[in-house]
Structure formats: C-alpha cells, structure tokens
C-alpha cells in the first residue's frame, strides 16, 4: 500500500500532504482487486 500510495502521489504531482488520501485510495483499490488466496474474488465482495 505504501508503494502504491507513493506512486500515485508522484504520478499526480501531489505534495506529501496528501499521503493519507493516496494511502486510503490505495487501500480501496487493494480491497477491490481479486486475490488468489480467496479464489480470485475481491476482499470487499467476500466481506459484503
């Protein structure tokens, strides 16, 4: 998540003051991405 958040900040040209928003969005993307350990389903779809 830290790597994804850093990449988003740098790609957008955003200041480090927006790190919490980029980290939260990286978490959102991670939770809505299919994972092999749960049968290629997303954590959000399994939970909700």
ModelCIF file with pLDDT and N, C-alpha, C, O atoms, coordinates in Angstrom:
data_MODEL
#
_entry.id   MODEL 
#
_entity.id                         1 
_entity.type                       polymer 
_entity.pdbx_number_of_molecules   1 
#
_entity_poly.entity_id                      1 
_entity_poly.type                           'polypeptide(L)' 
_entity_poly.nstd_linkage                   no 
_entity_poly.nstd_monomer                   no 
_entity_poly.pdbx_seq_one_letter_code       
;(UNK)(UNK)(UNK)(UNK)(UNK)(UNK)(UNK)(UNK)(UNK)(UNK)(UNK)(UNK)(UNK)(UNK)(UNK)(UNK)
(UNK)(UNK)(UNK)(UNK)(UNK)(UNK)(UNK)(UNK)(UNK)(UNK)(UNK)(UNK)(UNK)(UNK)(UNK)(UNK)
(UNK)(UNK)(UNK)(UNK)(UNK)(UNK)(UNK)(UNK)(UNK)(UNK)(UNK)(UNK)(UNK)(UNK)(UNK)(UNK)
;
_entity_poly.pdbx_seq_one_letter_code_can   XXXXXXXXXXXXXXXXXXXXXXXXXXXXXXXXXXXXXXXXXXXXXXXX 
_entity_poly.pdbx_strand_id                 A 
#
loop_
_entity_poly_seq.entity_id 
_entity_poly_seq.num 
_entity_poly_seq.mon_id 
_entity_poly_seq.hetero 
1 1  UNK n 
1 2  UNK n 
1 3  UNK n 
1 4  UNK n 
1 5  UNK n 
1 6  UNK n 
1 7  UNK n 
1 8  UNK n 
1 9  UNK n 
1 10 UNK n 
1 11 UNK n 
1 12 UNK n 
1 13 UNK n 
1 14 UNK n 
1 15 UNK n 
1 16 UNK n 
1 17 UNK n 
1 18 UNK n 
1 19 UNK n 
1 20 UNK n 
1 21 UNK n 
1 22 UNK n 
1 23 UNK n 
1 24 UNK n 
1 25 UNK n 
1 26 UNK n 
1 27 UNK n 
1 28 UNK n 
1 29 UNK n 
1 30 UNK n 
1 31 UNK n 
1 32 UNK n 
1 33 UNK n 
1 34 UNK n 
1 35 UNK n 
1 36 UNK n 
1 37 UNK n 
1 38 UNK n 
1 39 UNK n 
1 40 UNK n 
1 41 UNK n 
1 42 UNK n 
1 43 UNK n 
1 44 UNK n 
1 45 UNK n 
1 46 UNK n 
1 47 UNK n 
1 48 UNK n 
#
_struct_asym.id          A 
_struct_asym.entity_id   1 
#
loop_
_ma_qa_metric.id 
_ma_qa_metric.mode 
_ma_qa_metric.name 
_ma_qa_metric.software_group_id 
_ma_qa_metric.type 
1 global pLDDT . pLDDT 
2 local  pLDDT . pLDDT 
#
_ma_qa_metric_global.metric_id      1 
_ma_qa_metric_global.metric_value   92.69 
_ma_qa_metric_global.model_id       1 
_ma_qa_metric_global.ordinal_id     1 
#
loop_
_ma_qa_metric_local.label_asym_id 
_ma_qa_metric_local.label_comp_id 
_ma_qa_metric_local.label_seq_id 
_ma_qa_metric_local.metric_id 
_ma_qa_metric_local.metric_value 
_ma_qa_metric_local.model_id 
_ma_qa_metric_local.ordinal_id 
A UNK 1  2 94.00 1 1  
A UNK 2  2 94.00 1 2  
A UNK 3  2 95.00 1 3  
A UNK 4  2 96.00 1 4  
A UNK 5  2 96.00 1 5  
A UNK 6  2 96.00 1 6  
A UNK 7  2 96.00 1 7  
A UNK 8  2 96.00 1 8  
A UNK 9  2 95.00 1 9  
A UNK 10 2 95.00 1 10 
A UNK 11 2 94.00 1 11 
A UNK 12 2 95.00 1 12 
A UNK 13 2 94.00 1 13 
A UNK 14 2 93.00 1 14 
A UNK 15 2 91.00 1 15 
A UNK 16 2 91.00 1 16 
A UNK 17 2 92.00 1 17 
A UNK 18 2 94.00 1 18 
A UNK 19 2 95.00 1 19 
A UNK 20 2 93.00 1 20 
A UNK 21 2 95.00 1 21 
A UNK 22 2 96.00 1 22 
A UNK 23 2 95.00 1 23 
A UNK 24 2 95.00 1 24 
A UNK 25 2 96.00 1 25 
A UNK 26 2 96.00 1 26 
A UNK 27 2 94.00 1 27 
A UNK 28 2 93.00 1 28 
A UNK 29 2 94.00 1 29 
A UNK 30 2 93.00 1 30 
A UNK 31 2 90.00 1 31 
A UNK 32 2 90.00 1 32 
A UNK 33 2 91.00 1 33 
A UNK 34 2 91.00 1 34 
A UNK 35 2 90.00 1 35 
A UNK 36 2 91.00 1 36 
A UNK 37 2 88.00 1 37 
A UNK 38 2 90.00 1 38 
A UNK 39 2 92.00 1 39 
A UNK 40 2 93.00 1 40 
A UNK 41 2 91.00 1 41 
A UNK 42 2 90.00 1 42 
A UNK 43 2 89.00 1 43 
A UNK 44 2 87.00 1 44 
A UNK 45 2 89.00 1 45 
A UNK 46 2 91.00 1 46 
A UNK 47 2 87.00 1 47 
A UNK 48 2 87.00 1 48 
#
loop_
_atom_site.group_PDB 
_atom_site.id 
_atom_site.type_symbol 
_atom_site.label_atom_id 
_atom_site.label_alt_id 
_atom_site.label_comp_id 
_atom_site.label_asym_id 
_atom_site.label_entity_id 
_atom_site.label_seq_id 
_atom_site.pdbx_PDB_ins_code 
_atom_site.Cartn_x 
_atom_site.Cartn_y 
_atom_site.Cartn_z 
_atom_site.occupancy 
_atom_site.B_iso_or_equiv 
_atom_site.pdbx_formal_charge 
_atom_site.auth_seq_id 
_atom_site.auth_comp_id 
_atom_site.auth_asym_id 
_atom_site.auth_atom_id 
_atom_site.pdbx_PDB_model_num 
ATOM 1   N N  . UNK A 1 1  ? 0.818   -1.207  0.000   1.00 94.00 ? 1  UNK A N  1 
ATOM 2   C CA . UNK A 1 1  ? 0.000   0.000   0.000   1.00 94.00 ? 1  UNK A CA 1 
ATOM 3   C C  . UNK A 1 1  ? 0.857   1.264   0.000   1.00 94.00 ? 1  UNK A C  1 
ATOM 4   O O  . UNK A 1 1  ? 0.528   2.240   -0.674  1.00 94.00 ? 1  UNK A O  1 
ATOM 5   N N  . UNK A 1 2  ? 1.952   1.244   0.754   1.00 94.00 ? 2  UNK A N  1 
ATOM 6   C CA . UNK A 1 2  ? 2.850   2.399   0.799   1.00 94.00 ? 2  UNK A CA 1 
ATOM 7   C C  . UNK A 1 2  ? 3.455   2.655   -0.578  1.00 94.00 ? 2  UNK A C  1 
ATOM 8   O O  . UNK A 1 2  ? 3.536   3.804   -1.013  1.00 94.00 ? 2  UNK A O  1 
ATOM 9   N N  . UNK A 1 3  ? 3.879   1.603   -1.263  1.00 95.00 ? 3  UNK A N  1 
ATOM 10  C CA . UNK A 1 3  ? 4.429   1.755   -2.608  1.00 95.00 ? 3  UNK A CA 1 
ATOM 11  C C  . UNK A 1 3  ? 3.409   2.304   -3.587  1.00 95.00 ? 3  UNK A C  1 
ATOM 12  O O  . UNK A 1 3  ? 3.726   3.174   -4.399  1.00 95.00 ? 3  UNK A O  1 
ATOM 13  N N  . UNK A 1 4  ? 2.189   1.802   -3.514  1.00 96.00 ? 4  UNK A N  1 
ATOM 14  C CA . UNK A 1 4  ? 1.140   2.305   -4.409  1.00 96.00 ? 4  UNK A CA 1 
ATOM 15  C C  . UNK A 1 4  ? 0.798   3.760   -4.102  1.00 96.00 ? 4  UNK A C  1 
ATOM 16  O O  . UNK A 1 4  ? 0.616   4.563   -5.018  1.00 96.00 ? 4  UNK A O  1 
ATOM 17  N N  . UNK A 1 5  ? 0.713   4.098   -2.829  1.00 96.00 ? 5  UNK A N  1 
ATOM 18  C CA . UNK A 1 5  ? 0.388   5.477   -2.440  1.00 96.00 ? 5  UNK A CA 1 
ATOM 19  C C  . UNK A 1 5  ? 1.480   6.435   -2.909  1.00 96.00 ? 5  UNK A C  1 
ATOM 20  O O  . UNK A 1 5  ? 1.180   7.511   -3.428  1.00 96.00 ? 5  UNK A O  1 
ATOM 21  N N  . UNK A 1 6  ? 2.757   6.048   -2.729  1.00 96.00 ? 6  UNK A N  1 
ATOM 22  C CA . UNK A 1 6  ? 3.870   6.876   -3.169  1.00 96.00 ? 6  UNK A CA 1 
ATOM 23  C C  . UNK A 1 6  ? 3.821   7.083   -4.681  1.00 96.00 ? 6  UNK A C  1 
ATOM 24  O O  . UNK A 1 6  ? 4.034   8.192   -5.170  1.00 96.00 ? 6  UNK A O  1 
ATOM 25  N N  . UNK A 1 7  ? 3.540   6.008   -5.415  1.00 96.00 ? 7  UNK A N  1 
ATOM 26  C CA . UNK A 1 7  ? 3.468   6.081   -6.868  1.00 96.00 ? 7  UNK A CA 1 
ATOM 27  C C  . UNK A 1 7  ? 2.359   7.028   -7.307  1.00 96.00 ? 7  UNK A C  1 
ATOM 28  O O  . UNK A 1 7  ? 2.549   7.825   -8.226  1.00 96.00 ? 7  UNK A O  1 
ATOM 29  N N  . UNK A 1 8  ? 1.196   6.945   -6.653  1.00 96.00 ? 8  UNK A N  1 
ATOM 30  C CA . UNK A 1 8  ? 0.090   7.835   -7.011  1.00 96.00 ? 8  UNK A CA 1 
ATOM 31  C C  . UNK A 1 8  ? 0.445   9.291   -6.751  1.00 96.00 ? 8  UNK A C  1 
ATOM 32  O O  . UNK A 1 8  ? 0.159   10.156  -7.580  1.00 96.00 ? 8  UNK A O  1 
ATOM 33  N N  . UNK A 1 9  ? 1.069   9.575   -5.598  1.00 95.00 ? 9  UNK A N  1 
ATOM 34  C CA . UNK A 1 9  ? 1.466   10.946  -5.289  1.00 95.00 ? 9  UNK A CA 1 
ATOM 35  C C  . UNK A 1 9  ? 2.431   11.496  -6.326  1.00 95.00 ? 9  UNK A C  1 
ATOM 36  O O  . UNK A 1 9  ? 2.259   12.612  -6.817  1.00 95.00 ? 9  UNK A O  1 
ATOM 37  N N  . UNK A 1 10 ? 3.446   10.709  -6.656  1.00 95.00 ? 10 UNK A N  1 
ATOM 38  C CA . UNK A 1 10 ? 4.451   11.163  -7.625  1.00 95.00 ? 10 UNK A CA 1 
ATOM 39  C C  . UNK A 1 10 ? 3.861   11.327  -9.015  1.00 95.00 ? 10 UNK A C  1 
ATOM 40  O O  . UNK A 1 10 ? 4.160   12.312  -9.691  1.00 95.00 ? 10 UNK A O  1 
ATOM 41  N N  . UNK A 1 11 ? 3.035   10.393  -9.459  1.00 94.00 ? 11 UNK A N  1 
ATOM 42  C CA . UNK A 1 11 ? 2.439   10.467  -10.796 1.00 94.00 ? 11 UNK A CA 1 
ATOM 43  C C  . UNK A 1 11 ? 1.512   11.673  -10.933 1.00 94.00 ? 11 UNK A C  1 
ATOM 44  O O  . UNK A 1 11 ? 1.425   12.276  -12.003 1.00 94.00 ? 11 UNK A O  1 
ATOM 45  N N  . UNK A 1 12 ? 0.821   12.023  -9.848  1.00 95.00 ? 12 UNK A N  1 
ATOM 46  C CA . UNK A 1 12 ? -0.115  13.148  -9.888  1.00 95.00 ? 12 UNK A CA 1 
ATOM 47  C C  . UNK A 1 12 ? 0.566   14.482  -9.651  1.00 95.00 ? 12 UNK A C  1 
ATOM 48  O O  . UNK A 1 12 ? -0.020  15.533  -9.911  1.00 95.00 ? 12 UNK A O  1 
ATOM 49  N N  . UNK A 1 13 ? 1.807   14.453  -9.157  1.00 94.00 ? 13 UNK A N  1 
ATOM 50  C CA . UNK A 1 13 ? 2.493   15.695  -8.817  1.00 94.00 ? 13 UNK A CA 1 
ATOM 51  C C  . UNK A 1 13 ? 1.972   16.306  -7.533  1.00 94.00 ? 13 UNK A C  1 
ATOM 52  O O  . UNK A 1 13 ? 2.131   17.505  -7.305  1.00 94.00 ? 13 UNK A O  1 
ATOM 53  N N  . UNK A 1 14 ? 1.346   15.489  -6.688  1.00 93.00 ? 14 UNK A N  1 
ATOM 54  C CA . UNK A 1 14 ? 0.757   15.977  -5.435  1.00 93.00 ? 14 UNK A CA 1 
ATOM 55  C C  . UNK A 1 14 ? 1.830   16.114  -4.364  1.00 93.00 ? 14 UNK A C  1 
ATOM 56  O O  . UNK A 1 14 ? 2.858   15.437  -4.404  1.00 93.00 ? 14 UNK A O  1 
ATOM 57  N N  . UNK A 1 15 ? 1.576   16.998  -3.412  1.00 91.00 ? 15 UNK A N  1 
ATOM 58  C CA . UNK A 1 15 ? 2.501   17.150  -2.299  1.00 91.00 ? 15 UNK A CA 1 
ATOM 59  C C  . UNK A 1 15 ? 2.333   15.993  -1.332  1.00 91.00 ? 15 UNK A C  1 
ATOM 60  O O  . UNK A 1 15 ? 1.321   15.293  -1.366  1.00 91.00 ? 15 UNK A O  1 
ATOM 61  N N  . UNK A 1 16 ? 3.325   15.789  -0.466  1.00 91.00 ? 16 UNK A N  1 
ATOM 62  C CA . UNK A 1 16 ? 3.254   14.711  0.504   1.00 91.00 ? 16 UNK A CA 1 
ATOM 63  C C  . UNK A 1 16 ? 2.149   14.944  1.526   1.00 91.00 ? 16 UNK A C  1 
ATOM 64  O O  . UNK A 1 16 ? 1.800   14.030  2.273   1.00 91.00 ? 16 UNK A O  1 
ATOM 65  N N  . UNK A 1 17 ? 1.598   16.143  1.569   1.00 92.00 ? 17 UNK A N  1 
ATOM 66  C CA . UNK A 1 17 ? 0.479   16.435  2.462   1.00 92.00 ? 17 UNK A CA 1 
ATOM 67  C C  . UNK A 1 17 ? -0.770  15.630  2.124   1.00 92.00 ? 17 UNK A C  1 
ATOM 68  O O  . UNK A 1 17 ? -1.686  15.540  2.941   1.00 92.00 ? 17 UNK A O  1 
ATOM 69  N N  . UNK A 1 18 ? -0.816  15.046  0.936   1.00 94.00 ? 18 UNK A N  1 
ATOM 70  C CA . UNK A 1 18 ? -1.960  14.239  0.519   1.00 94.00 ? 18 UNK A CA 1 
ATOM 71  C C  . UNK A 1 18 ? -1.679  12.740  0.662   1.00 94.00 ? 18 UNK A C  1 
ATOM 72  O O  . UNK A 1 18 ? -2.376  11.923  0.061   1.00 94.00 ? 18 UNK A O  1 
ATOM 73  N N  . UNK A 1 19 ? -0.656  12.371  1.457   1.00 95.00 ? 19 UNK A N  1 
ATOM 74  C CA . UNK A 1 19 ? -0.298  10.958  1.597   1.00 95.00 ? 19 UNK A CA 1 
ATOM 75  C C  . UNK A 1 19 ? -1.435  10.138  2.173   1.00 95.00 ? 19 UNK A C  1 
ATOM 76  O O  . UNK A 1 19 ? -1.620  8.992   1.766   1.00 95.00 ? 19 UNK A O  1 
ATOM 77  N N  . UNK A 1 20 ? -2.207  10.685  3.112   1.00 93.00 ? 20 UNK A N  1 
ATOM 78  C CA . UNK A 1 20 ? -3.281  9.883   3.723   1.00 93.00 ? 20 UNK A CA 1 
ATOM 79  C C  . UNK A 1 20 ? -4.383  9.587   2.715   1.00 93.00 ? 20 UNK A C  1 
ATOM 80  O O  . UNK A 1 20 ? -4.970  8.505   2.744   1.00 93.00 ? 20 UNK A O  1 
ATOM 81  N N  . UNK A 1 21 ? -4.675  10.534  1.820   1.00 95.00 ? 21 UNK A N  1 
ATOM 82  C CA . UNK A 1 21 ? -5.683  10.290  0.789   1.00 95.00 ? 21 UNK A CA 1 
ATOM 83  C C  . UNK A 1 21 ? -5.180  9.254   -0.213  1.00 95.00 ? 21 UNK A C  1 
ATOM 84  O O  . UNK A 1 21 ? -5.933  8.374   -0.630  1.00 95.00 ? 21 UNK A O  1 
ATOM 85  N N  . UNK A 1 22 ? -3.899  9.357   -0.603  1.00 96.00 ? 22 UNK A N  1 
ATOM 86  C CA . UNK A 1 22 ? -3.374  8.381   -1.560  1.00 96.00 ? 22 UNK A CA 1 
ATOM 87  C C  . UNK A 1 22 ? -3.296  6.993   -0.922  1.00 96.00 ? 22 UNK A C  1 
ATOM 88  O O  . UNK A 1 22 ? -3.536  5.992   -1.597  1.00 96.00 ? 22 UNK A O  1 
ATOM 89  N N  . UNK A 1 23 ? -2.963  6.921   0.369   1.00 95.00 ? 23 UNK A N  1 
ATOM 90  C CA . UNK A 1 23 ? -2.903  5.634   1.060   1.00 95.00 ? 23 UNK A CA 1 
ATOM 91  C C  . UNK A 1 23 ? -4.305  5.034   1.177   1.00 95.00 ? 23 UNK A C  1 
ATOM 92  O O  . UNK A 1 23 ? -4.485  3.836   0.961   1.00 95.00 ? 23 UNK A O  1 
ATOM 93  N N  . UNK A 1 24 ? -5.300  5.864   1.520   1.00 95.00 ? 24 UNK A N  1 
ATOM 94  C CA . UNK A 1 24 ? -6.681  5.371   1.635   1.00 95.00 ? 24 UNK A CA 1 
ATOM 95  C C  . UNK A 1 24 ? -7.182  4.876   0.279   1.00 95.00 ? 24 UNK A C  1 
ATOM 96  O O  . UNK A 1 24 ? -7.876  3.862   0.211   1.00 95.00 ? 24 UNK A O  1 
ATOM 97  N N  . UNK A 1 25 ? -6.836  5.580   -0.796  1.00 96.00 ? 25 UNK A N  1 
ATOM 98  C CA . UNK A 1 25 ? -7.274  5.143   -2.122  1.00 96.00 ? 25 UNK A CA 1 
ATOM 99  C C  . UNK A 1 25 ? -6.541  3.869   -2.541  1.00 96.00 ? 25 UNK A C  1 
ATOM 100 O O  . UNK A 1 25 ? -7.133  3.000   -3.179  1.00 96.00 ? 25 UNK A O  1 
ATOM 101 N N  . UNK A 1 26 ? -5.251  3.749   -2.186  1.00 96.00 ? 26 UNK A N  1 
ATOM 102 C CA . UNK A 1 26 ? -4.514  2.512   -2.459  1.00 96.00 ? 26 UNK A CA 1 
ATOM 103 C C  . UNK A 1 26 ? -5.172  1.347   -1.728  1.00 96.00 ? 26 UNK A C  1 
ATOM 104 O O  . UNK A 1 26 ? -5.285  0.252   -2.280  1.00 96.00 ? 26 UNK A O  1 
ATOM 105 N N  . UNK A 1 27 ? -5.605  1.572   -0.495  1.00 94.00 ? 27 UNK A N  1 
ATOM 106 C CA . UNK A 1 27 ? -6.303  0.523   0.265   1.00 94.00 ? 27 UNK A CA 1 
ATOM 107 C C  . UNK A 1 27 ? -7.625  0.161   -0.407  1.00 94.00 ? 27 UNK A C  1 
ATOM 108 O O  . UNK A 1 27 ? -7.979  -1.015  -0.490  1.00 94.00 ? 27 UNK A O  1 
ATOM 109 N N  . UNK A 1 28 ? -8.356  1.169   -0.887  1.00 93.00 ? 28 UNK A N  1 
ATOM 110 C CA . UNK A 1 28 ? -9.625  0.924   -1.578  1.00 93.00 ? 28 UNK A CA 1 
ATOM 111 C C  . UNK A 1 28 ? -9.389  0.059   -2.821  1.00 93.00 ? 28 UNK A C  1 
ATOM 112 O O  . UNK A 1 28 ? -10.123 -0.898  -3.066  1.00 93.00 ? 28 UNK A O  1 
ATOM 113 N N  . UNK A 1 29 ? -8.372  0.401   -3.592  1.00 94.00 ? 29 UNK A N  1 
ATOM 114 C CA . UNK A 1 29 ? -8.061  -0.375  -4.793  1.00 94.00 ? 29 UNK A CA 1 
ATOM 115 C C  . UNK A 1 29 ? -7.665  -1.802  -4.409  1.00 94.00 ? 29 UNK A C  1 
ATOM 116 O O  . UNK A 1 29 ? -8.102  -2.759  -5.047  1.00 94.00 ? 29 UNK A O  1 
ATOM 117 N N  . UNK A 1 30 ? -6.838  -1.946  -3.369  1.00 93.00 ? 30 UNK A N  1 
ATOM 118 C CA . UNK A 1 30 ? -6.401  -3.274  -2.912  1.00 93.00 ? 30 UNK A CA 1 
ATOM 119 C C  . UNK A 1 30 ? -7.599  -4.125  -2.496  1.00 93.00 ? 30 UNK A C  1 
ATOM 120 O O  . UNK A 1 30 ? -7.663  -5.309  -2.827  1.00 93.00 ? 30 UNK A O  1 
ATOM 121 N N  . UNK A 1 31 ? -8.538  -3.535  -1.780  1.00 90.00 ? 31 UNK A N  1 
ATOM 122 C CA . UNK A 1 31 ? -9.713  -4.268  -1.304  1.00 90.00 ? 31 UNK A CA 1 
ATOM 123 C C  . UNK A 1 31 ? -10.691 -4.600  -2.426  1.00 90.00 ? 31 UNK A C  1 
ATOM 124 O O  . UNK A 1 31 ? -11.579 -5.435  -2.252  1.00 90.00 ? 31 UNK A O  1 
ATOM 125 N N  . UNK A 1 32 ? -10.530 -3.953  -3.568  1.00 90.00 ? 32 UNK A N  1 
ATOM 126 C CA . UNK A 1 32 ? -11.413 -4.215  -4.703  1.00 90.00 ? 32 UNK A CA 1 
ATOM 127 C C  . UNK A 1 32 ? -10.662 -4.839  -5.875  1.00 90.00 ? 32 UNK A C  1 
ATOM 128 O O  . UNK A 1 32 ? -11.067 -4.707  -7.030  1.00 90.00 ? 32 UNK A O  1 
ATOM 129 N N  . UNK A 1 33 ? -9.558  -5.524  -5.557  1.00 91.00 ? 33 UNK A N  1 
ATOM 130 C CA . UNK A 1 33 ? -8.767  -6.247  -6.534  1.00 91.00 ? 33 UNK A CA 1 
ATOM 131 C C  . UNK A 1 33 ? -8.836  -7.735  -6.195  1.00 91.00 ? 33 UNK A C  1 
ATOM 132 O O  . UNK A 1 33 ? -8.754  -8.103  -5.023  1.00 91.00 ? 33 UNK A O  1 
ATOM 133 N N  . UNK A 1 34 ? -8.985  -8.584  -7.193  1.00 91.00 ? 34 UNK A N  1 
ATOM 134 C CA . UNK A 1 34 ? -9.074  -10.029 -6.967  1.00 91.00 ? 34 UNK A CA 1 
ATOM 135 C C  . UNK A 1 34 ? -7.763  -10.575 -6.413  1.00 91.00 ? 34 UNK A C  1 
ATOM 136 O O  . UNK A 1 34 ? -6.681  -10.186 -6.851  1.00 91.00 ? 34 UNK A O  1 
ATOM 137 N N  . UNK A 1 35 ? -7.876  -11.490 -5.436  1.00 90.00 ? 35 UNK A N  1 
ATOM 138 C CA . UNK A 1 35 ? -6.710  -12.104 -4.799  1.00 90.00 ? 35 UNK A CA 1 
ATOM 139 C C  . UNK A 1 35 ? -6.798  -13.623 -4.929  1.00 90.00 ? 35 UNK A C  1 
ATOM 140 O O  . UNK A 1 35 ? -7.864  -14.208 -4.741  1.00 90.00 ? 35 UNK A O  1 
ATOM 141 N N  . UNK A 1 36 ? -5.675  -14.252 -5.250  1.00 91.00 ? 36 UNK A N  1 
ATOM 142 C CA . UNK A 1 36 ? -5.626  -15.705 -5.448  1.00 91.00 ? 36 UNK A CA 1 
ATOM 143 C C  . UNK A 1 36 ? -6.001  -16.472 -4.181  1.00 91.00 ? 36 UNK A C  1 
ATOM 144 O O  . UNK A 1 36 ? -6.644  -17.519 -4.264  1.00 91.00 ? 36 UNK A O  1 
ATOM 145 N N  . UNK A 1 37 ? -5.607  -15.963 -3.005  1.00 88.00 ? 37 UNK A N  1 
ATOM 146 C CA . UNK A 1 37 ? -5.847  -16.691 -1.756  1.00 88.00 ? 37 UNK A CA 1 
ATOM 147 C C  . UNK A 1 37 ? -7.319  -16.822 -1.406  1.00 88.00 ? 37 UNK A C  1 
ATOM 148 O O  . UNK A 1 37 ? -7.682  -17.644 -0.565  1.00 88.00 ? 37 UNK A O  1 
ATOM 149 N N  . UNK A 1 38 ? -8.167  -16.033 -2.031  1.00 90.00 ? 38 UNK A N  1 
ATOM 150 C CA . UNK A 1 38 ? -9.610  -16.135 -1.762  1.00 90.00 ? 38 UNK A CA 1 
ATOM 151 C C  . UNK A 1 38 ? -10.370 -16.475 -3.049  1.00 90.00 ? 38 UNK A C  1 
ATOM 152 O O  . UNK A 1 38 ? -11.478 -15.992 -3.281  1.00 90.00 ? 38 UNK A O  1 
ATOM 153 N N  . UNK A 1 39 ? -9.755  -17.303 -3.864  1.00 92.00 ? 39 UNK A N  1 
ATOM 154 C CA . UNK A 1 39 ? -10.415 -17.801 -5.071  1.00 92.00 ? 39 UNK A CA 1 
ATOM 155 C C  . UNK A 1 39 ? -10.647 -16.747 -6.138  1.00 92.00 ? 39 UNK A C  1 
ATOM 156 O O  . UNK A 1 39 ? -11.673 -16.765 -6.818  1.00 92.00 ? 39 UNK A O  1 
ATOM 157 N N  . UNK A 1 40 ? -9.709  -15.837 -6.288  1.00 93.00 ? 40 UNK A N  1 
ATOM 158 C CA . UNK A 1 40 ? -9.779  -14.760 -7.272  1.00 93.00 ? 40 UNK A CA 1 
ATOM 159 C C  . UNK A 1 40 ? -11.031 -13.907 -7.093  1.00 93.00 ? 40 UNK A C  1 
ATOM 160 O O  . UNK A 1 40 ? -11.601 -13.403 -8.060  1.00 93.00 ? 40 UNK A O  1 
ATOM 161 N N  . UNK A 1 41 ? -11.441 -13.758 -5.853  1.00 91.00 ? 41 UNK A N  1 
ATOM 162 C CA . UNK A 1 41 ? -12.512 -12.816 -5.517  1.00 91.00 ? 41 UNK A CA 1 
ATOM 163 C C  . UNK A 1 41 ? -11.871 -11.607 -4.837  1.00 91.00 ? 41 UNK A C  1 
ATOM 164 O O  . UNK A 1 41 ? -10.705 -11.655 -4.445  1.00 91.00 ? 41 UNK A O  1 
ATOM 165 N N  . UNK A 1 42 ? -12.628 -10.539 -4.701  1.00 90.00 ? 42 UNK A N  1 
ATOM 166 C CA . UNK A 1 42 ? -12.105 -9.365  -4.018  1.00 90.00 ? 42 UNK A CA 1 
ATOM 167 C C  . UNK A 1 42 ? -12.454 -9.436  -2.540  1.00 90.00 ? 42 UNK A C  1 
ATOM 168 O O  . UNK A 1 42 ? -13.500 -9.978  -2.182  1.00 90.00 ? 42 UNK A O  1 
ATOM 169 N N  . UNK A 1 43 ? -11.593 -8.895  -1.666  1.00 89.00 ? 43 UNK A N  1 
ATOM 170 C CA . UNK A 1 43 ? -11.928 -8.876  -0.245  1.00 89.00 ? 43 UNK A CA 1 
ATOM 171 C C  . UNK A 1 43 ? -13.259 -8.168  0.034   1.00 89.00 ? 43 UNK A C  1 
ATOM 172 O O  . UNK A 1 43 ? -14.021 -8.602  0.898   1.00 89.00 ? 43 UNK A O  1 
ATOM 173 N N  . UNK A 1 44 ? -13.535 -7.097  -0.684  1.00 87.00 ? 44 UNK A N  1 
ATOM 174 C CA . UNK A 1 44 ? -14.790 -6.371  -0.470  1.00 87.00 ? 44 UNK A CA 1 
ATOM 175 C C  . UNK A 1 44 ? -15.998 -7.225  -0.829  1.00 87.00 ? 44 UNK A C  1 
ATOM 176 O O  . UNK A 1 44 ? -17.001 -7.199  -0.116  1.00 87.00 ? 44 UNK A O  1 
ATOM 177 N N  . UNK A 1 45 ? -15.922 -7.984  -1.927  1.00 89.00 ? 45 UNK A N  1 
ATOM 178 C CA . UNK A 1 45 ? -17.064 -8.812  -2.317  1.00 89.00 ? 45 UNK A CA 1 
ATOM 179 C C  . UNK A 1 45 ? -17.256 -9.980  -1.349  1.00 89.00 ? 45 UNK A C  1 
ATOM 180 O O  . UNK A 1 45 ? -18.387 -10.393 -1.095  1.00 89.00 ? 45 UNK A O  1 
ATOM 181 N N  . UNK A 1 46 ? -16.157 -10.514 -0.806  1.00 91.00 ? 46 UNK A N  1 
ATOM 182 C CA . UNK A 1 46 ? -16.268 -11.585 0.180   1.00 91.00 ? 46 UNK A CA 1 
ATOM 183 C C  . UNK A 1 46 ? -16.906 -11.054 1.469   1.00 91.00 ? 46 UNK A C  1 
ATOM 184 O O  . UNK A 1 46 ? -17.768 -11.706 2.058   1.00 91.00 ? 46 UNK A O  1 
ATOM 185 N N  . UNK A 1 47 ? -16.475 -9.871  1.895   1.00 87.00 ? 47 UNK A N  1 
ATOM 186 C CA . UNK A 1 47 ? -16.962 -9.299  3.143   1.00 87.00 ? 47 UNK A CA 1 
ATOM 187 C C  . UNK A 1 47 ? -18.407 -8.831  3.043   1.00 87.00 ? 47 UNK A C  1 
ATOM 188 O O  . UNK A 1 47 ? -19.203 -9.084  3.947   1.00 87.00 ? 47 UNK A O  1 
ATOM 189 N N  . UNK A 1 48 ? -18.753 -8.155  1.958   1.00 87.00 ? 48 UNK A N  1 
ATOM 190 C CA . UNK A 1 48 ? -20.082 -7.551  1.843   1.00 87.00 ? 48 UNK A CA 1 
ATOM 191 C C  . UNK A 1 48 ? -21.052 -8.342  0.982   1.00 87.00 ? 48 UNK A C  1 
ATOM 192 O O  . UNK A 1 48 ? -22.200 -7.933  0.811   1.00 87.00 ? 48 UNK A O  1 
#
